[in-house]
């Protein structure tokens, strides 16, 4: 599989924010979102071709029980599912961050899927596969990155029309830099939404330093 980087940091997103986490970043993405904060992972340029056991060996060096498989878009590579299963069998808690444009069928149900539904400002609002709703469990998380009111209204409609009760773990993240977190918080409170405001904690600690 083509791996861009493997590193340990503080998990900055999801309901696992604040916990030590090892990140396995796959190279290559089928989308190119306007606000992407890891554009270097959109291609496989500079990525290492590693086998599952080689990735496992690097992850084990950190002695950390939480691992996130991310990208780019990791599900573009079929080995991502094999890696997730191997990490789970080794006793790790595994998060898989995906953009929802590739089928979630076949992913080990023990893994936690963090599905990033693209809003209009990303340029890929139609990328999400609606059939993936059927593969989202109550333990999985759904994230919306929001740049403006149009994105916010899109996310609200998506929850009402599609997500419903598939999971209660819904994350609203302001584009950074862009939408002030205070503004998004005020919209959420005004509408009484049962969603979690997500700020990228790692950026408050290390800024945009790569590998953090």
C-alpha atoms as a PDB file:
ATOM      1  CA  UNK A   1       0.000   0.000   0.000  1.00  0.00           C
ATOM      2  CA  UNK A   2       1.171   3.565  -0.651  1.00  0.00           C
ATOM      3  CA  UNK A   3       1.783   5.318   2.670  1.00  0.00           C
ATOM      4  CA  UNK A   4       2.512   9.016   2.872  1.00  0.00           C
ATOM      5  CA  UNK A   5       3.516   9.132   6.540  1.00  0.00           C
ATOM      6  CA  UNK A   6       3.191   7.379   9.906  1.00  0.00           C
ATOM      7  CA  UNK A   7       3.471   9.490  13.041  1.00  0.00           C
ATOM      8  CA  UNK A   8       2.172   9.927  16.581  1.00  0.00           C
ATOM      9  CA  UNK A   9       0.313  13.008  17.745  1.00  0.00           C
ATOM     10  CA  UNK A  10      -2.605  14.083  19.869  1.00  0.00           C
ATOM     11  CA  UNK A  11      -5.861  13.204  18.152  1.00  0.00           C
ATOM     12  CA  UNK A  12      -7.249  16.587  17.166  1.00  0.00           C
ATOM     13  CA  UNK A  13     -10.658  15.605  15.813  1.00  0.00           C
ATOM     14  CA  UNK A  14     -13.641  13.304  16.443  1.00  0.00           C
ATOM     15  CA  UNK A  15     -14.938  12.299  19.879  1.00  0.00           C
ATOM     16  CA  UNK A  16     -11.456  10.880  20.532  1.00  0.00           C
ATOM     17  CA  UNK A  17      -9.882  14.360  20.481  1.00  0.00           C
ATOM     18  CA  UNK A  18      -7.162  14.837  23.066  1.00  0.00           C
ATOM     19  CA  UNK A  19      -5.984  11.223  23.131  1.00  0.00           C
ATOM     20  CA  UNK A  20      -2.539  10.081  21.950  1.00  0.00           C
ATOM     21  CA  UNK A  21      -2.950   8.517  18.517  1.00  0.00           C
ATOM     22  CA  UNK A  22      -0.813   7.010  15.764  1.00  0.00           C
ATOM     23  CA  UNK A  23      -1.756   8.213  12.289  1.00  0.00           C
ATOM     24  CA  UNK A  24      -1.235   6.101   9.179  1.00  0.00           C
ATOM     25  CA  UNK A  25      -1.715   8.456   6.248  1.00  0.00           C
ATOM     26  CA  UNK A  26      -2.353   6.826   2.883  1.00  0.00           C
ATOM     27  CA  UNK A  27      -1.269   8.643  -0.255  1.00  0.00           C
ATOM     28  CA  UNK A  28      -3.753   9.521  -2.974  1.00  0.00           C
ATOM     29  CA  UNK A  29      -7.272  10.943  -2.987  1.00  0.00           C
ATOM     30  CA  UNK A  30     -10.133  10.862  -5.474  1.00  0.00           C
ATOM     31  CA  UNK A  31     -11.251  14.361  -4.414  1.00  0.00           C
ATOM     32  CA  UNK A  32      -9.470  17.713  -4.159  1.00  0.00           C
ATOM     33  CA  UNK A  33     -11.464  19.740  -1.653  1.00  0.00           C
ATOM     34  CA  UNK A  34     -10.998  23.488  -1.783  1.00  0.00           C
ATOM     35  CA  UNK A  35     -10.072  23.710   1.901  1.00  0.00           C
ATOM     36  CA  UNK A  36      -7.987  20.504   2.157  1.00  0.00           C
ATOM     37  CA  UNK A  37      -5.348  20.899   4.882  1.00  0.00           C
ATOM     38  CA  UNK A  38      -3.225  17.957   3.696  1.00  0.00           C
ATOM     39  CA  UNK A  39      -2.867  18.651  -0.050  1.00  0.00           C
ATOM     40  CA  UNK A  40       0.440  16.786  -0.088  1.00  0.00           C
ATOM     41  CA  UNK A  41      -1.552  13.582   0.470  1.00  0.00           C
ATOM     42  CA  UNK A  42      -3.822  14.112  -2.537  1.00  0.00           C
ATOM     43  CA  UNK A  43      -1.269  12.305  -4.701  1.00  0.00           C
ATOM     44  CA  UNK A  44       1.017   9.346  -4.147  1.00  0.00           C
ATOM     45  CA  UNK A  45       4.131  11.389  -4.885  1.00  0.00           C
ATOM     46  CA  UNK A  46       6.785  10.513  -2.316  1.00  0.00           C
ATOM     47  CA  UNK A  47       4.672   7.769  -0.738  1.00  0.00           C
ATOM     48  CA  UNK A  48       6.325   4.555   0.422  1.00  0.00           C
ATOM     49  CA  UNK A  49       5.090   1.180  -0.843  1.00  0.00           C
ATOM     50  CA  UNK A  50       4.683  -0.820   2.364  1.00  0.00           C
ATOM     51  CA  UNK A  51       3.199  -4.196   3.191  1.00  0.00           C
ATOM     52  CA  UNK A  52       0.736  -4.627   6.067  1.00  0.00           C
ATOM     53  CA  UNK A  53       3.367  -6.189   8.341  1.00  0.00           C
ATOM     54  CA  UNK A  54       5.758  -3.296   7.665  1.00  0.00           C
ATOM     55  CA  UNK A  55       3.116  -0.740   8.658  1.00  0.00           C
ATOM     56  CA  UNK A  56       2.258  -2.794  11.729  1.00  0.00           C
ATOM     57  CA  UNK A  57       5.921  -2.828  12.777  1.00  0.00           C
ATOM     58  CA  UNK A  58       6.143   0.975  12.578  1.00  0.00           C
ATOM     59  CA  UNK A  59       2.879   1.471  14.457  1.00  0.00           C
ATOM     60  CA  UNK A  60       3.968  -0.861  17.258  1.00  0.00           C
ATOM     61  CA  UNK A  61       7.071   1.268  17.917  1.00  0.00           C
ATOM     62  CA  UNK A  62       4.848   3.959  19.425  1.00  0.00           C
ATOM     63  CA  UNK A  63       3.175   1.677  21.983  1.00  0.00           C
ATOM     64  CA  UNK A  64      -0.121   3.510  21.512  1.00  0.00           C
ATOM     65  CA  UNK A  65      -3.512   1.808  21.529  1.00  0.00           C
ATOM     66  CA  UNK A  66      -5.354   4.269  19.274  1.00  0.00           C
ATOM     67  CA  UNK A  67      -4.610   4.256  15.531  1.00  0.00           C
ATOM     68  CA  UNK A  68      -6.212   6.312  12.766  1.00  0.00           C
ATOM     69  CA  UNK A  69      -6.107   5.243   9.140  1.00  0.00           C
ATOM     70  CA  UNK A  70      -6.457   8.406   7.102  1.00  0.00           C
ATOM     71  CA  UNK A  71      -5.361  10.074   3.881  1.00  0.00           C
ATOM     72  CA  UNK A  72      -5.826  11.280   1.262  1.00  0.00           C
ATOM     73  CA  UNK A  73      -8.583   8.712   0.902  1.00  0.00           C
ATOM     74  CA  UNK A  74      -7.447   5.395   2.399  1.00  0.00           C
ATOM     75  CA  UNK A  75     -10.297   3.311   0.976  1.00  0.00           C
ATOM     76  CA  UNK A  76      -8.946   3.872  -2.540  1.00  0.00           C
ATOM     77  CA  UNK A  77      -6.467   1.137  -1.613  1.00  0.00           C
ATOM     78  CA  UNK A  78      -7.976  -2.241  -0.787  1.00  0.00           C
ATOM     79  CA  UNK A  79      -5.141  -2.985   1.652  1.00  0.00           C
ATOM     80  CA  UNK A  80      -6.615  -0.393   4.034  1.00  0.00           C
ATOM     81  CA  UNK A  81      -9.286  -2.877   5.094  1.00  0.00           C
ATOM     82  CA  UNK A  82      -6.667  -5.587   5.629  1.00  0.00           C
ATOM     83  CA  UNK A  83      -4.558  -3.203   7.718  1.00  0.00           C
ATOM     84  CA  UNK A  84      -7.558  -2.202   9.835  1.00  0.00           C
ATOM     85  CA  UNK A  85      -8.357  -5.851  10.592  1.00  0.00           C
ATOM     86  CA  UNK A  86      -4.728  -6.596  11.488  1.00  0.00           C
ATOM     87  CA  UNK A  87      -4.560  -3.620  13.872  1.00  0.00           C
ATOM     88  CA  UNK A  88      -7.834  -4.637  15.493  1.00  0.00           C
ATOM     89  CA  UNK A  89      -6.615  -8.219  15.927  1.00  0.00           C
ATOM     90  CA  UNK A  90      -3.512  -6.776  17.618  1.00  0.00           C
ATOM     91  CA  UNK A  91      -5.714  -5.067  20.205  1.00  0.00           C
ATOM     92  CA  UNK A  92      -5.727  -1.532  18.799  1.00  0.00           C
ATOM     93  CA  UNK A  93      -8.727   0.756  18.640  1.00  0.00           C
ATOM     94  CA  UNK A  94      -8.947   1.784  15.006  1.00  0.00           C
ATOM     95  CA  UNK A  95     -10.457   4.891  13.423  1.00  0.00           C
ATOM     96  CA  UNK A  96     -10.867   5.075   9.641  1.00  0.00           C
ATOM     97  CA  UNK A  97     -11.360   8.554   8.220  1.00  0.00           C
ATOM     98  CA  UNK A  98     -13.010   8.500   4.810  1.00  0.00           C
ATOM     99  CA  UNK A  99     -14.787  10.964   2.545  1.00  0.00           C
ATOM    100  CA  UNK A 100     -17.814   8.720   2.015  1.00  0.00           C
ATOM    101  CA  UNK A 101     -17.432   8.535  -1.769  1.00  0.00           C
ATOM    102  CA  UNK A 102     -16.255   4.906  -1.681  1.00  0.00           C
ATOM    103  CA  UNK A 103     -18.327   1.992  -0.397  1.00  0.00           C
ATOM    104  CA  UNK A 104     -18.011   1.246   3.311  1.00  0.00           C
ATOM    105  CA  UNK A 105     -19.167  -2.321   2.794  1.00  0.00           C
ATOM    106  CA  UNK A 106     -16.617  -4.856   3.945  1.00  0.00           C
ATOM    107  CA  UNK A 107     -14.920  -2.717   6.577  1.00  0.00           C
ATOM    108  CA  UNK A 108     -14.422  -4.617   9.826  1.00  0.00           C
ATOM    109  CA  UNK A 109     -17.332  -3.675  12.086  1.00  0.00           C
ATOM    110  CA  UNK A 110     -14.960  -3.298  15.029  1.00  0.00           C
ATOM    111  CA  UNK A 111     -13.397  -0.244  13.366  1.00  0.00           C
ATOM    112  CA  UNK A 112     -14.810   3.225  13.979  1.00  0.00           C
ATOM    113  CA  UNK A 113     -15.605   4.989  10.730  1.00  0.00           C
ATOM    114  CA  UNK A 114     -15.287   8.784  10.697  1.00  0.00           C
ATOM    115  CA  UNK A 115     -17.159   9.767   7.552  1.00  0.00           C
ATOM    116  CA  UNK A 116     -16.558  13.271   6.176  1.00  0.00           C
ATOM    117  CA  UNK A 117     -19.658  14.279   4.201  1.00  0.00           C
ATOM    118  CA  UNK A 118     -18.595  16.977   1.756  1.00  0.00           C
ATOM    119  CA  UNK A 119     -20.498  20.286   1.839  1.00  0.00           C
ATOM    120  CA  UNK A 120     -20.894  22.631  -1.169  1.00  0.00           C
ATOM    121  CA  UNK A 121     -17.831  24.775  -0.390  1.00  0.00           C
ATOM    122  CA  UNK A 122     -15.587  21.725  -0.812  1.00  0.00           C
ATOM    123  CA  UNK A 123     -16.540  21.496  -4.471  1.00  0.00           C
ATOM    124  CA  UNK A 124     -17.710  17.885  -4.024  1.00  0.00           C
ATOM    125  CA  UNK A 125     -21.143  18.096  -2.402  1.00  0.00           C
ATOM    126  CA  UNK A 126     -22.451  15.202  -4.523  1.00  0.00           C
ATOM    127  CA  UNK A 127     -19.603  12.808  -3.754  1.00  0.00           C
ATOM    128  CA  UNK A 128     -21.208  10.953  -0.838  1.00  0.00           C
ATOM    129  CA  UNK A 129     -22.656   7.524  -1.647  1.00  0.00           C
ATOM    130  CA  UNK A 130     -26.106   7.505  -0.046  1.00  0.00           C
ATOM    131  CA  UNK A 131     -26.015   3.707   0.239  1.00  0.00           C
ATOM    132  CA  UNK A 132     -23.173   4.136   2.737  1.00  0.00           C
ATOM    133  CA  UNK A 133     -25.766   5.225   5.308  1.00  0.00           C
ATOM    134  CA  UNK A 134     -26.606   1.537   5.634  1.00  0.00           C
ATOM    135  CA  UNK A 135     -23.055   0.762   6.770  1.00  0.00           C
ATOM    136  CA  UNK A 136     -22.850   3.500   9.433  1.00  0.00           C
ATOM    137  CA  UNK A 137     -23.352   2.199  12.973  1.00  0.00           C
ATOM    138  CA  UNK A 138     -24.135   3.983  16.234  1.00  0.00           C
ATOM    139  CA  UNK A 139     -20.415   3.888  17.099  1.00  0.00           C
ATOM    140  CA  UNK A 140     -19.378   5.597  13.864  1.00  0.00           C
ATOM    141  CA  UNK A 141     -19.067   9.360  13.427  1.00  0.00           C
ATOM    142  CA  UNK A 142     -20.173  11.698  10.653  1.00  0.00           C
ATOM    143  CA  UNK A 143     -18.367  14.988  10.076  1.00  0.00           C
ATOM    144  CA  UNK A 144     -19.280  18.103   8.129  1.00  0.00           C
ATOM    145  CA  UNK A 145     -16.604  20.724   7.428  1.00  0.00           C
ATOM    146  CA  UNK A 146     -18.468  24.030   7.204  1.00  0.00           C
ATOM    147  CA  UNK A 147     -17.313  27.234   5.532  1.00  0.00           C
ATOM    148  CA  UNK A 148     -20.498  29.297   5.410  1.00  0.00           C
ATOM    149  CA  UNK A 149     -24.266  29.335   5.922  1.00  0.00           C
ATOM    150  CA  UNK A 150     -24.863  27.371   2.702  1.00  0.00           C
ATOM    151  CA  UNK A 151     -22.711  24.535   4.062  1.00  0.00           C
ATOM    152  CA  UNK A 152     -24.478  24.704   7.408  1.00  0.00           C
ATOM    153  CA  UNK A 153     -27.932  24.446   5.826  1.00  0.00           C
ATOM    154  CA  UNK A 154     -26.694  21.586   3.618  1.00  0.00           C
ATOM    155  CA  UNK A 155     -25.491  19.693   6.711  1.00  0.00           C
ATOM    156  CA  UNK A 156     -28.790  20.227   8.515  1.00  0.00           C
ATOM    157  CA  UNK A 157     -30.768  18.912   5.538  1.00  0.00           C
ATOM    158  CA  UNK A 158     -28.465  15.914   5.184  1.00  0.00           C
ATOM    159  CA  UNK A 159     -29.008  14.950   8.816  1.00  0.00           C
ATOM    160  CA  UNK A 160     -32.770  15.266   8.508  1.00  0.00           C
ATOM    161  CA  UNK A 161     -33.150  13.539   5.139  1.00  0.00           C
ATOM    162  CA  UNK A 162     -30.497  10.830   5.246  1.00  0.00           C
ATOM    163  CA  UNK A 163     -28.615  10.357   8.493  1.00  0.00           C
ATOM    164  CA  UNK A 164     -31.552  10.396  10.908  1.00  0.00           C
ATOM    165  CA  UNK A 165     -30.809   7.920  13.705  1.00  0.00           C
ATOM    166  CA  UNK A 166     -27.941   6.005  12.086  1.00  0.00           C
ATOM    167  CA  UNK A 167     -25.585   7.601  14.626  1.00  0.00           C
ATOM    168  CA  UNK A 168     -25.812  10.350  17.220  1.00  0.00           C
ATOM    169  CA  UNK A 169     -22.125  11.189  16.802  1.00  0.00           C
ATOM    170  CA  UNK A 170     -22.310  14.133  14.416  1.00  0.00           C
ATOM    171  CA  UNK A 171     -19.476  16.659  14.152  1.00  0.00           C
ATOM    172  CA  UNK A 172     -19.617  20.203  12.757  1.00  0.00           C
ATOM    173  CA  UNK A 173     -16.142  21.606  12.056  1.00  0.00           C
ATOM    174  CA  UNK A 174     -15.491  25.180  10.881  1.00  0.00           C
ATOM    175  CA  UNK A 175     -13.104  25.617   7.959  1.00  0.00           C
ATOM    176  CA  UNK A 176      -9.820  26.893   9.377  1.00  0.00           C
ATOM    177  CA  UNK A 177      -8.854  29.547   8.540  1.00  0.00           C
ATOM    178  CA  UNK A 178     -12.249  30.744   7.409  1.00  0.00           C
ATOM    179  CA  UNK A 179     -15.420  30.452   9.435  1.00  0.00           C
ATOM    180  CA  UNK A 180     -14.892  31.684  13.028  1.00  0.00           C
ATOM    181  CA  UNK A 181     -15.692  28.885  15.524  1.00  0.00           C
ATOM    182  CA  UNK A 182     -17.793  31.372  17.511  1.00  0.00           C
ATOM    183  CA  UNK A 183     -20.066  31.915  14.518  1.00  0.00           C
ATOM    184  CA  UNK A 184     -20.639  28.208  13.976  1.00  0.00           C
ATOM    185  CA  UNK A 185     -21.245  27.702  17.696  1.00  0.00           C
ATOM    186  CA  UNK A 186     -23.892  30.428  17.655  1.00  0.00           C
ATOM    187  CA  UNK A 187     -25.686  28.837  14.693  1.00  0.00           C
ATOM    188  CA  UNK A 188     -25.712  25.453  16.443  1.00  0.00           C
ATOM    189  CA  UNK A 189     -27.079  26.922  19.674  1.00  0.00           C
ATOM    190  CA  UNK A 190     -29.697  29.034  17.886  1.00  0.00           C
ATOM    191  CA  UNK A 191     -31.088  25.992  16.066  1.00  0.00           C
ATOM    192  CA  UNK A 192     -30.767  23.654  19.050  1.00  0.00           C
ATOM    193  CA  UNK A 193     -28.829  21.055  17.075  1.00  0.00           C
ATOM    194  CA  UNK A 194     -27.580  17.967  18.869  1.00  0.00           C
ATOM    195  CA  UNK A 195     -24.163  18.029  17.202  1.00  0.00           C
ATOM    196  CA  UNK A 196     -20.615  18.401  18.477  1.00  0.00           C
ATOM    197  CA  UNK A 197     -18.593  21.497  17.564  1.00  0.00           C
ATOM    198  CA  UNK A 198     -15.228  20.167  16.451  1.00  0.00           C
ATOM    199  CA  UNK A 199     -12.089  22.277  16.540  1.00  0.00           C
ATOM    200  CA  UNK A 200      -8.787  20.868  15.304  1.00  0.00           C
ATOM    201  CA  UNK A 201      -7.023  20.541  18.650  1.00  0.00           C
ATOM    202  CA  UNK A 202      -3.650  19.603  17.170  1.00  0.00           C
ATOM    203  CA  UNK A 203      -3.489  22.940  15.339  1.00  0.00           C
ATOM    204  CA  UNK A 204      -3.917  24.830  18.610  1.00  0.00           C
ATOM    205  CA  UNK A 205      -0.948  22.903  20.004  1.00  0.00           C
ATOM    206  CA  UNK A 206       1.426  22.784  17.000  1.00  0.00           C
ATOM    207  CA  UNK A 207      -0.087  25.029  14.327  1.00  0.00           C
ATOM    208  CA  UNK A 208       0.199  23.579  10.824  1.00  0.00           C
ATOM    209  CA  UNK A 209       3.405  21.666  11.536  1.00  0.00           C
ATOM    210  CA  UNK A 210       3.470  18.553   9.370  1.00  0.00           C
ATOM    211  CA  UNK A 211       3.612  15.227  11.215  1.00  0.00           C
ATOM    212  CA  UNK A 212       1.730  16.691  14.174  1.00  0.00           C
END
